[in-house]
């Protein structure tokens, strides 16, 4: 590494501009950071400035999300002890997020209309316990919050980490 800094020759500048014109940026550079092109029609690379503590960071937009129904450990215990019967179940294995959501919402609404109170929703545990349907379930249940009293992870005999008890409110 040389200690003296030197200026690039015209030939080196020309070569750099040709190389830079072939590079596709990862994202569109901000106009505030883009340097003026030395040659019209030849794009140049944007030079990013490091953020300092004095500059405000852009705020992320906040989206109001519906709170999921409460977790209900008491209901899970009553089912495990045989004091509460399961009225229906749905298995979401093989569903995509879109079809799983639709099937679940339709199933819960029809169960509520029949007067069912306790359901089992089998999502599957997924790889390493990180199943997509399992993670999305609380948000889907939040969409039906007026008819859902709560939910809890199912006991091992009913599917364990890959299943949930869903408790419905009484029809009214």
N, C-alpha and C. Protein backbone atom coordinates (compact mmCIF):
# COMPACT_ATOMS: atom_id res chain seq x y z
N UNK A 1 0.85 -1.17 0.00
CA UNK A 1 0.00 0.00 0.00
C UNK A 1 0.89 1.23 0.00
N UNK A 2 0.65 2.09 -0.93
CA UNK A 2 1.51 3.27 -1.02
C UNK A 2 1.07 4.32 -0.02
N UNK A 3 2.01 5.10 0.39
CA UNK A 3 1.71 6.14 1.37
C UNK A 3 1.29 7.43 0.69
N UNK A 4 1.78 7.66 -0.51
CA UNK A 4 1.41 8.87 -1.23
C UNK A 4 0.15 8.62 -2.05
N UNK A 5 -0.75 9.54 -1.99
CA UNK A 5 -1.95 9.44 -2.82
C UNK A 5 -1.65 10.14 -4.13
N UNK A 6 -2.14 9.55 -5.22
CA UNK A 6 -1.93 10.17 -6.51
C UNK A 6 -3.28 10.30 -7.20
N UNK A 7 -3.35 11.19 -8.14
CA UNK A 7 -4.55 11.37 -8.92
C UNK A 7 -4.58 10.35 -10.05
N UNK A 8 -5.79 9.96 -10.43
CA UNK A 8 -5.94 9.02 -11.54
C UNK A 8 -5.69 9.75 -12.86
N UNK A 9 -5.13 9.03 -13.80
CA UNK A 9 -4.90 9.61 -15.13
C UNK A 9 -6.21 9.64 -15.88
N UNK A 10 -6.25 10.36 -16.99
CA UNK A 10 -7.47 10.42 -17.81
C UNK A 10 -7.85 9.04 -18.32
N UNK A 11 -6.84 8.24 -18.67
CA UNK A 11 -7.09 6.89 -19.15
C UNK A 11 -7.72 6.03 -18.04
N UNK A 12 -7.24 6.17 -16.80
CA UNK A 12 -7.79 5.43 -15.68
C UNK A 12 -9.22 5.87 -15.37
N UNK A 13 -9.48 7.19 -15.45
CA UNK A 13 -10.85 7.70 -15.26
C UNK A 13 -11.77 7.12 -16.30
N UNK A 14 -11.35 7.10 -17.55
CA UNK A 14 -12.16 6.58 -18.64
C UNK A 14 -12.46 5.10 -18.42
N UNK A 15 -11.42 4.34 -18.05
CA UNK A 15 -11.60 2.92 -17.77
C UNK A 15 -12.57 2.70 -16.62
N UNK A 16 -12.44 3.48 -15.57
CA UNK A 16 -13.34 3.35 -14.41
C UNK A 16 -14.79 3.64 -14.78
N UNK A 17 -15.01 4.68 -15.60
CA UNK A 17 -16.37 5.02 -16.01
C UNK A 17 -16.99 3.89 -16.84
N UNK A 18 -16.17 3.25 -17.70
CA UNK A 18 -16.69 2.14 -18.50
C UNK A 18 -17.06 0.95 -17.61
N UNK A 19 -16.23 0.65 -16.64
CA UNK A 19 -16.52 -0.45 -15.72
C UNK A 19 -17.74 -0.13 -14.86
N UNK A 20 -17.80 1.09 -14.35
CA UNK A 20 -18.91 1.50 -13.48
C UNK A 20 -20.23 1.47 -14.24
N UNK A 21 -20.21 1.73 -15.54
CA UNK A 21 -21.44 1.73 -16.34
C UNK A 21 -22.00 0.31 -16.48
N UNK A 22 -21.17 -0.72 -16.32
CA UNK A 22 -21.66 -2.09 -16.46
C UNK A 22 -22.15 -2.69 -15.16
N UNK A 23 -21.93 -2.01 -14.04
CA UNK A 23 -22.31 -2.54 -12.74
C UNK A 23 -23.76 -2.18 -12.46
N UNK A 24 -24.52 -3.19 -12.02
CA UNK A 24 -25.92 -2.96 -11.64
C UNK A 24 -25.96 -2.73 -10.13
N UNK A 25 -26.46 -1.57 -9.68
CA UNK A 25 -26.48 -1.30 -8.24
C UNK A 25 -27.47 -2.21 -7.54
N UNK A 26 -27.23 -2.47 -6.24
CA UNK A 26 -28.14 -3.30 -5.45
C UNK A 26 -29.49 -2.63 -5.28
N UNK A 27 -29.47 -1.38 -5.07
CA UNK A 27 -30.72 -0.61 -4.97
C UNK A 27 -30.48 0.73 -5.64
N UNK A 28 -31.56 1.40 -5.93
CA UNK A 28 -31.46 2.67 -6.61
C UNK A 28 -30.77 3.68 -5.69
N UNK A 29 -29.69 4.31 -6.14
CA UNK A 29 -28.99 5.26 -5.28
C UNK A 29 -29.83 6.51 -5.06
N UNK A 30 -29.69 7.07 -3.91
CA UNK A 30 -30.40 8.29 -3.56
C UNK A 30 -29.81 9.45 -4.37
N UNK A 31 -30.66 10.36 -4.79
CA UNK A 31 -30.18 11.51 -5.56
C UNK A 31 -29.27 12.39 -4.72
N UNK A 32 -29.48 12.39 -3.41
CA UNK A 32 -28.67 13.24 -2.55
C UNK A 32 -27.23 12.76 -2.49
N UNK A 33 -27.00 11.48 -2.74
CA UNK A 33 -25.65 10.93 -2.64
C UNK A 33 -24.99 10.72 -3.99
N UNK A 34 -25.73 10.88 -5.08
CA UNK A 34 -25.16 10.60 -6.40
C UNK A 34 -24.28 11.76 -6.85
N UNK A 35 -23.00 11.49 -7.19
CA UNK A 35 -22.13 12.55 -7.67
C UNK A 35 -22.49 12.91 -9.11
N UNK A 36 -22.12 14.07 -9.54
CA UNK A 36 -22.36 14.53 -10.90
C UNK A 36 -21.48 13.74 -11.84
N UNK A 37 -22.02 13.32 -12.96
CA UNK A 37 -21.27 12.55 -13.94
C UNK A 37 -20.32 13.48 -14.69
N UNK A 38 -19.07 13.03 -14.84
CA UNK A 38 -18.08 13.82 -15.56
C UNK A 38 -18.38 13.83 -17.05
N UNK A 39 -18.92 12.72 -17.55
CA UNK A 39 -19.26 12.62 -18.95
C UNK A 39 -20.76 12.45 -19.07
N UNK A 40 -21.44 13.30 -19.88
CA UNK A 40 -22.89 13.16 -20.00
C UNK A 40 -23.23 11.80 -20.60
N UNK A 41 -24.29 11.18 -20.05
CA UNK A 41 -24.77 9.90 -20.55
C UNK A 41 -24.06 8.70 -19.96
N UNK A 42 -22.98 8.91 -19.20
CA UNK A 42 -22.27 7.80 -18.58
C UNK A 42 -22.56 7.84 -17.09
N UNK A 43 -23.22 6.82 -16.55
CA UNK A 43 -23.55 6.83 -15.12
C UNK A 43 -22.30 6.64 -14.27
N UNK A 44 -22.37 7.17 -13.07
CA UNK A 44 -21.28 6.98 -12.11
C UNK A 44 -21.83 6.30 -10.89
N UNK A 45 -20.96 5.72 -10.10
CA UNK A 45 -21.39 5.05 -8.88
C UNK A 45 -21.71 6.07 -7.81
N UNK A 46 -22.72 5.79 -7.01
CA UNK A 46 -23.05 6.66 -5.89
C UNK A 46 -22.10 6.35 -4.74
N UNK A 47 -21.67 7.38 -4.08
CA UNK A 47 -20.79 7.21 -2.93
C UNK A 47 -21.63 7.44 -1.69
N UNK A 48 -21.76 6.42 -0.87
CA UNK A 48 -22.58 6.52 0.33
C UNK A 48 -21.80 7.20 1.44
N UNK A 49 -22.47 8.11 2.13
CA UNK A 49 -21.86 8.76 3.29
C UNK A 49 -22.18 7.93 4.52
N UNK A 50 -21.25 7.83 5.43
CA UNK A 50 -21.58 7.14 6.68
C UNK A 50 -22.52 8.00 7.51
N UNK A 51 -23.46 7.34 8.16
CA UNK A 51 -24.38 8.07 9.03
C UNK A 51 -23.67 8.48 10.31
N UNK A 52 -23.92 9.67 10.73
CA UNK A 52 -23.37 10.12 12.01
C UNK A 52 -24.50 10.15 13.02
N UNK A 53 -24.15 10.26 14.26
CA UNK A 53 -25.17 10.26 15.31
C UNK A 53 -26.06 11.48 15.26
N UNK A 54 -25.62 12.55 14.61
CA UNK A 54 -26.39 13.79 14.58
C UNK A 54 -27.53 13.73 13.57
N UNK A 55 -27.40 12.88 12.56
CA UNK A 55 -28.42 12.82 11.53
C UNK A 55 -29.57 11.92 11.98
N UNK A 56 -30.82 12.36 11.82
CA UNK A 56 -31.94 11.52 12.23
C UNK A 56 -32.11 10.36 11.25
N UNK A 57 -32.43 9.21 11.79
CA UNK A 57 -32.69 8.04 10.95
C UNK A 57 -34.16 8.09 10.53
N UNK A 58 -34.45 7.63 9.30
CA UNK A 58 -35.84 7.66 8.88
C UNK A 58 -36.68 6.72 9.73
N UNK A 59 -37.85 7.20 10.11
CA UNK A 59 -38.74 6.42 10.97
C UNK A 59 -39.45 5.37 10.13
N UNK A 60 -39.58 4.17 10.68
CA UNK A 60 -40.32 3.11 10.00
C UNK A 60 -41.81 3.37 10.19
N UNK A 61 -42.58 3.19 9.12
CA UNK A 61 -44.02 3.40 9.28
C UNK A 61 -44.61 2.33 10.19
N UNK A 62 -45.46 2.77 11.11
CA UNK A 62 -46.08 1.82 12.02
C UNK A 62 -47.47 1.48 11.49
N UNK A 63 -47.76 0.21 11.45
CA UNK A 63 -49.06 -0.26 11.00
C UNK A 63 -49.77 -0.86 12.21
N UNK A 64 -50.96 -0.37 12.46
CA UNK A 64 -51.72 -0.88 13.60
C UNK A 64 -52.18 -2.30 13.29
N UNK A 65 -51.79 -3.23 14.15
CA UNK A 65 -52.18 -4.62 13.98
C UNK A 65 -53.19 -4.98 15.05
N UNK A 66 -54.12 -5.83 14.67
CA UNK A 66 -55.10 -6.29 15.64
C UNK A 66 -54.40 -7.23 16.62
N UNK A 67 -54.66 -7.05 17.89
CA UNK A 67 -54.04 -7.91 18.90
C UNK A 67 -54.64 -9.31 18.82
N UNK A 68 -53.81 -10.34 18.91
CA UNK A 68 -54.36 -11.69 18.87
C UNK A 68 -55.17 -11.99 20.11
N UNK A 69 -56.05 -12.98 20.04
CA UNK A 69 -56.82 -13.35 21.22
C UNK A 69 -55.89 -13.84 22.33
N UNK A 70 -56.32 -13.79 23.55
CA UNK A 70 -55.43 -14.18 24.65
C UNK A 70 -55.15 -15.68 24.66
N UNK A 71 -53.96 -16.02 25.13
CA UNK A 71 -53.63 -17.43 25.32
C UNK A 71 -54.43 -17.93 26.53
N UNK A 72 -54.89 -19.16 26.46
CA UNK A 72 -55.79 -19.68 27.50
C UNK A 72 -55.25 -21.01 28.03
N UNK A 73 -54.42 -20.95 29.06
CA UNK A 73 -53.86 -22.17 29.65
C UNK A 73 -54.91 -22.96 30.42
N UNK A 74 -55.89 -22.27 30.97
CA UNK A 74 -56.93 -22.96 31.74
C UNK A 74 -57.74 -23.90 30.87
N UNK A 75 -58.06 -23.45 29.66
CA UNK A 75 -58.80 -24.30 28.73
C UNK A 75 -58.00 -25.51 28.32
N UNK A 76 -56.69 -25.31 28.12
CA UNK A 76 -55.81 -26.42 27.75
C UNK A 76 -55.80 -27.47 28.85
N UNK A 77 -55.77 -27.03 30.10
CA UNK A 77 -55.78 -27.97 31.23
C UNK A 77 -57.11 -28.72 31.33
N UNK A 78 -58.23 -28.03 31.09
CA UNK A 78 -59.54 -28.68 31.15
C UNK A 78 -59.67 -29.75 30.07
N UNK A 79 -59.13 -29.49 28.87
CA UNK A 79 -59.17 -30.48 27.80
C UNK A 79 -58.32 -31.69 28.17
N UNK A 80 -57.12 -31.43 28.66
CA UNK A 80 -56.19 -32.50 29.01
C UNK A 80 -56.79 -33.40 30.09
N UNK A 81 -57.53 -32.83 31.03
CA UNK A 81 -58.11 -33.60 32.12
C UNK A 81 -59.44 -34.25 31.73
N UNK A 82 -59.91 -33.99 30.50
CA UNK A 82 -61.14 -34.62 30.03
C UNK A 82 -62.40 -33.89 30.46
N UNK A 83 -62.30 -32.68 30.98
CA UNK A 83 -63.47 -31.93 31.44
C UNK A 83 -64.08 -31.07 30.34
N UNK A 84 -63.39 -30.97 29.21
CA UNK A 84 -63.87 -30.15 28.10
C UNK A 84 -63.67 -30.97 26.83
N UNK A 85 -64.74 -31.15 26.06
CA UNK A 85 -64.66 -31.96 24.85
C UNK A 85 -64.30 -31.09 23.64
N UNK A 86 -63.63 -31.72 22.70
CA UNK A 86 -63.25 -31.04 21.46
C UNK A 86 -64.38 -31.24 20.45
N UNK A 87 -64.87 -30.13 19.91
CA UNK A 87 -66.01 -30.17 19.01
C UNK A 87 -65.62 -30.36 17.55
N UNK A 88 -64.43 -29.94 17.16
CA UNK A 88 -64.03 -30.07 15.76
C UNK A 88 -62.54 -29.85 15.60
N UNK A 89 -62.02 -30.28 14.44
CA UNK A 89 -60.60 -30.07 14.18
C UNK A 89 -60.39 -29.83 12.69
N UNK A 90 -59.30 -29.15 12.39
CA UNK A 90 -58.90 -28.90 11.01
C UNK A 90 -57.40 -29.11 10.91
N UNK A 91 -56.98 -29.78 9.85
CA UNK A 91 -55.57 -30.04 9.62
C UNK A 91 -55.12 -29.18 8.44
N UNK A 92 -54.17 -28.30 8.68
CA UNK A 92 -53.70 -27.37 7.64
C UNK A 92 -52.43 -27.86 6.94
N UNK A 93 -52.01 -29.11 7.20
CA UNK A 93 -50.85 -29.65 6.49
C UNK A 93 -51.08 -29.58 4.98
N UNK A 94 -50.07 -29.16 4.25
CA UNK A 94 -50.16 -29.09 2.80
C UNK A 94 -50.76 -27.81 2.26
N UNK A 95 -51.22 -26.94 3.14
CA UNK A 95 -51.79 -25.67 2.69
C UNK A 95 -50.70 -24.62 2.56
N UNK A 96 -50.91 -23.69 1.64
CA UNK A 96 -50.07 -22.50 1.58
C UNK A 96 -50.62 -21.51 2.58
N UNK A 97 -49.94 -20.39 2.77
CA UNK A 97 -50.45 -19.38 3.71
C UNK A 97 -51.83 -18.89 3.28
N UNK A 98 -52.00 -18.66 2.00
CA UNK A 98 -53.27 -18.12 1.50
C UNK A 98 -54.41 -19.12 1.65
N UNK A 99 -54.19 -20.35 1.20
CA UNK A 99 -55.27 -21.34 1.29
C UNK A 99 -55.50 -21.77 2.74
N UNK A 100 -54.44 -21.80 3.55
CA UNK A 100 -54.58 -22.15 4.96
C UNK A 100 -55.40 -21.13 5.70
N UNK A 101 -55.15 -19.85 5.43
CA UNK A 101 -55.91 -18.78 6.08
C UNK A 101 -57.39 -18.87 5.70
N UNK A 102 -57.65 -19.03 4.42
CA UNK A 102 -59.04 -19.12 3.95
C UNK A 102 -59.75 -20.31 4.57
N UNK A 103 -59.10 -21.47 4.56
CA UNK A 103 -59.73 -22.67 5.12
C UNK A 103 -59.98 -22.51 6.61
N UNK A 104 -59.00 -21.93 7.33
CA UNK A 104 -59.15 -21.75 8.78
C UNK A 104 -60.29 -20.79 9.11
N UNK A 105 -60.35 -19.65 8.44
CA UNK A 105 -61.40 -18.68 8.74
C UNK A 105 -62.78 -19.26 8.44
N UNK A 106 -62.89 -19.95 7.33
CA UNK A 106 -64.18 -20.57 6.97
C UNK A 106 -64.57 -21.63 7.99
N UNK A 107 -63.60 -22.46 8.40
CA UNK A 107 -63.87 -23.52 9.38
C UNK A 107 -64.31 -22.94 10.72
N UNK A 108 -63.61 -21.92 11.21
CA UNK A 108 -63.96 -21.33 12.51
C UNK A 108 -65.32 -20.66 12.46
N UNK A 109 -65.63 -19.96 11.39
CA UNK A 109 -66.93 -19.30 11.28
C UNK A 109 -68.06 -20.32 11.23
N UNK A 110 -67.88 -21.41 10.50
CA UNK A 110 -68.95 -22.42 10.44
C UNK A 110 -69.08 -23.15 11.78
N UNK A 111 -67.96 -23.39 12.47
CA UNK A 111 -68.02 -24.03 13.79
C UNK A 111 -68.75 -23.14 14.78
N UNK A 112 -68.50 -21.85 14.73
CA UNK A 112 -69.18 -20.92 15.62
C UNK A 112 -70.67 -20.88 15.33
N UNK A 113 -71.02 -20.93 14.04
CA UNK A 113 -72.44 -20.93 13.66
C UNK A 113 -73.14 -22.19 14.15
N UNK A 114 -72.43 -23.34 14.22
CA UNK A 114 -73.00 -24.59 14.73
C UNK A 114 -73.11 -24.59 16.24
N UNK A 115 -72.41 -23.68 16.89
CA UNK A 115 -72.43 -23.63 18.35
C UNK A 115 -71.26 -24.35 19.00
N UNK A 116 -70.25 -24.74 18.21
CA UNK A 116 -69.07 -25.40 18.77
C UNK A 116 -68.32 -24.41 19.65
N UNK A 117 -67.64 -24.94 20.66
CA UNK A 117 -66.90 -24.07 21.59
C UNK A 117 -65.41 -24.34 21.61
N UNK A 118 -64.97 -25.58 21.30
CA UNK A 118 -63.56 -25.94 21.39
C UNK A 118 -63.12 -26.63 20.10
N UNK A 119 -62.06 -26.12 19.50
CA UNK A 119 -61.56 -26.65 18.24
C UNK A 119 -60.07 -26.97 18.37
N UNK A 120 -59.60 -27.88 17.52
CA UNK A 120 -58.16 -28.11 17.39
C UNK A 120 -57.76 -27.69 15.99
N UNK A 121 -56.74 -26.86 15.90
CA UNK A 121 -56.17 -26.44 14.61
C UNK A 121 -54.78 -27.04 14.53
N UNK A 122 -54.57 -27.92 13.55
CA UNK A 122 -53.27 -28.56 13.38
C UNK A 122 -52.53 -27.82 12.28
N UNK A 123 -51.44 -27.16 12.66
CA UNK A 123 -50.65 -26.39 11.70
C UNK A 123 -49.41 -27.15 11.28
N UNK A 124 -48.95 -28.04 12.13
CA UNK A 124 -47.65 -28.68 11.91
C UNK A 124 -46.59 -27.84 12.59
N UNK A 125 -45.56 -28.48 13.07
CA UNK A 125 -44.51 -27.76 13.80
C UNK A 125 -43.54 -27.08 12.85
N UNK A 126 -43.39 -27.58 11.63
CA UNK A 126 -42.44 -27.01 10.70
C UNK A 126 -41.03 -27.45 11.01
N UNK A 127 -40.10 -27.00 10.20
CA UNK A 127 -38.70 -27.35 10.42
C UNK A 127 -38.19 -26.60 11.64
N UNK A 128 -37.62 -27.33 12.55
CA UNK A 128 -37.05 -26.77 13.79
C UNK A 128 -38.08 -25.96 14.57
N UNK A 129 -39.35 -26.32 14.46
CA UNK A 129 -40.40 -25.64 15.21
C UNK A 129 -40.76 -24.27 14.69
N UNK A 130 -40.32 -23.93 13.48
CA UNK A 130 -40.56 -22.59 12.93
C UNK A 130 -41.51 -22.63 11.73
N UNK A 131 -42.58 -23.38 11.82
CA UNK A 131 -43.53 -23.50 10.72
C UNK A 131 -44.18 -22.17 10.39
N UNK A 132 -44.37 -21.92 9.11
CA UNK A 132 -44.96 -20.66 8.67
C UNK A 132 -46.41 -20.55 9.12
N UNK A 133 -47.17 -21.62 8.95
CA UNK A 133 -48.58 -21.57 9.36
C UNK A 133 -48.70 -21.41 10.87
N UNK A 134 -47.80 -22.05 11.60
CA UNK A 134 -47.80 -21.94 13.07
C UNK A 134 -47.54 -20.49 13.49
N UNK A 135 -46.64 -19.82 12.80
CA UNK A 135 -46.32 -18.43 13.14
C UNK A 135 -47.44 -17.48 12.74
N UNK A 136 -48.15 -17.77 11.66
CA UNK A 136 -49.20 -16.88 11.17
C UNK A 136 -50.52 -17.06 11.91
N UNK A 137 -50.70 -18.18 12.60
CA UNK A 137 -51.98 -18.48 13.26
C UNK A 137 -52.49 -17.36 14.18
N UNK A 138 -51.67 -16.78 15.07
CA UNK A 138 -52.20 -15.71 15.93
C UNK A 138 -52.75 -14.51 15.14
N UNK A 139 -52.11 -14.16 14.05
CA UNK A 139 -52.62 -13.04 13.24
C UNK A 139 -53.95 -13.42 12.58
N UNK A 140 -54.07 -14.65 12.14
CA UNK A 140 -55.33 -15.09 11.52
C UNK A 140 -56.45 -15.13 12.56
N UNK A 141 -56.13 -15.58 13.77
CA UNK A 141 -57.15 -15.60 14.83
C UNK A 141 -57.57 -14.20 15.23
N UNK A 142 -56.64 -13.25 15.12
CA UNK A 142 -56.97 -11.85 15.45
C UNK A 142 -58.03 -11.30 14.51
N UNK A 143 -58.10 -11.81 13.29
CA UNK A 143 -59.11 -11.36 12.34
C UNK A 143 -60.51 -11.76 12.79
N UNK A 144 -60.61 -12.82 13.59
CA UNK A 144 -61.90 -13.30 14.09
C UNK A 144 -62.06 -13.05 15.58
N UNK A 145 -61.41 -12.04 16.08
CA UNK A 145 -61.40 -11.77 17.52
C UNK A 145 -62.80 -11.67 18.14
N UNK A 146 -63.80 -11.14 17.44
CA UNK A 146 -65.13 -11.07 18.07
C UNK A 146 -65.74 -12.43 18.43
N UNK A 147 -65.30 -13.50 17.78
CA UNK A 147 -65.89 -14.81 18.09
C UNK A 147 -64.91 -15.75 18.78
N UNK A 148 -63.66 -15.34 18.97
CA UNK A 148 -62.66 -16.20 19.59
C UNK A 148 -62.38 -15.74 21.01
N UNK A 149 -62.52 -16.68 21.96
CA UNK A 149 -62.26 -16.36 23.36
C UNK A 149 -60.78 -16.46 23.69
N UNK A 150 -60.06 -17.35 23.02
CA UNK A 150 -58.65 -17.52 23.28
C UNK A 150 -58.11 -18.73 22.56
N UNK A 151 -56.82 -19.00 22.75
CA UNK A 151 -56.20 -20.17 22.15
C UNK A 151 -55.03 -20.60 23.01
N UNK A 152 -54.59 -21.83 22.83
CA UNK A 152 -53.44 -22.35 23.58
C UNK A 152 -52.80 -23.46 22.77
N UNK A 153 -51.52 -23.67 23.00
CA UNK A 153 -50.84 -24.77 22.34
C UNK A 153 -51.42 -26.08 22.85
N UNK A 154 -51.59 -27.03 21.96
CA UNK A 154 -52.23 -28.29 22.31
C UNK A 154 -51.30 -29.17 23.14
N UNK A 155 -51.91 -30.06 23.90
CA UNK A 155 -51.17 -31.05 24.66
C UNK A 155 -50.54 -32.04 23.69
N UNK A 156 -49.50 -32.73 24.16
CA UNK A 156 -48.77 -33.67 23.32
C UNK A 156 -49.68 -34.72 22.69
N UNK A 157 -50.69 -35.17 23.41
CA UNK A 157 -51.59 -36.20 22.87
C UNK A 157 -52.45 -35.67 21.72
N UNK A 158 -52.57 -34.36 21.61
CA UNK A 158 -53.36 -33.75 20.54
C UNK A 158 -52.51 -33.06 19.48
N UNK A 159 -51.22 -33.26 19.51
CA UNK A 159 -50.38 -32.66 18.47
C UNK A 159 -49.25 -31.80 18.99
N UNK A 160 -49.27 -31.45 20.25
CA UNK A 160 -48.18 -30.69 20.87
C UNK A 160 -47.88 -29.37 20.17
N UNK A 161 -46.60 -29.18 19.82
CA UNK A 161 -46.16 -27.90 19.26
C UNK A 161 -46.76 -27.62 17.89
N UNK A 162 -47.29 -28.64 17.22
CA UNK A 162 -47.85 -28.44 15.89
C UNK A 162 -49.35 -28.26 15.87
N UNK A 163 -49.97 -28.08 17.03
CA UNK A 163 -51.42 -27.93 17.09
C UNK A 163 -51.81 -26.93 18.17
N UNK A 164 -53.00 -26.36 18.01
CA UNK A 164 -53.51 -25.37 18.96
C UNK A 164 -54.97 -25.65 19.26
N UNK A 165 -55.33 -25.40 20.51
CA UNK A 165 -56.74 -25.38 20.89
C UNK A 165 -57.24 -23.97 20.62
N UNK A 166 -58.40 -23.86 20.02
CA UNK A 166 -59.05 -22.55 19.80
C UNK A 166 -60.36 -22.59 20.53
N UNK A 167 -60.59 -21.62 21.40
CA UNK A 167 -61.80 -21.55 22.21
C UNK A 167 -62.70 -20.45 21.65
N UNK A 168 -63.93 -20.82 21.32
CA UNK A 168 -64.87 -19.88 20.72
C UNK A 168 -65.83 -19.34 21.77
N UNK A 169 -66.27 -18.12 21.55
CA UNK A 169 -67.27 -17.51 22.43
C UNK A 169 -68.63 -18.11 22.09
N UNK A 170 -69.55 -17.98 23.02
CA UNK A 170 -70.91 -18.45 22.78
C UNK A 170 -71.57 -17.59 21.71
N UNK A 171 -72.46 -18.24 20.96
CA UNK A 171 -73.22 -17.47 19.96
C UNK A 171 -74.13 -16.50 20.69
N UNK A 172 -74.28 -15.35 20.12
CA UNK A 172 -75.11 -14.41 20.85
C UNK A 172 -75.80 -13.44 20.05
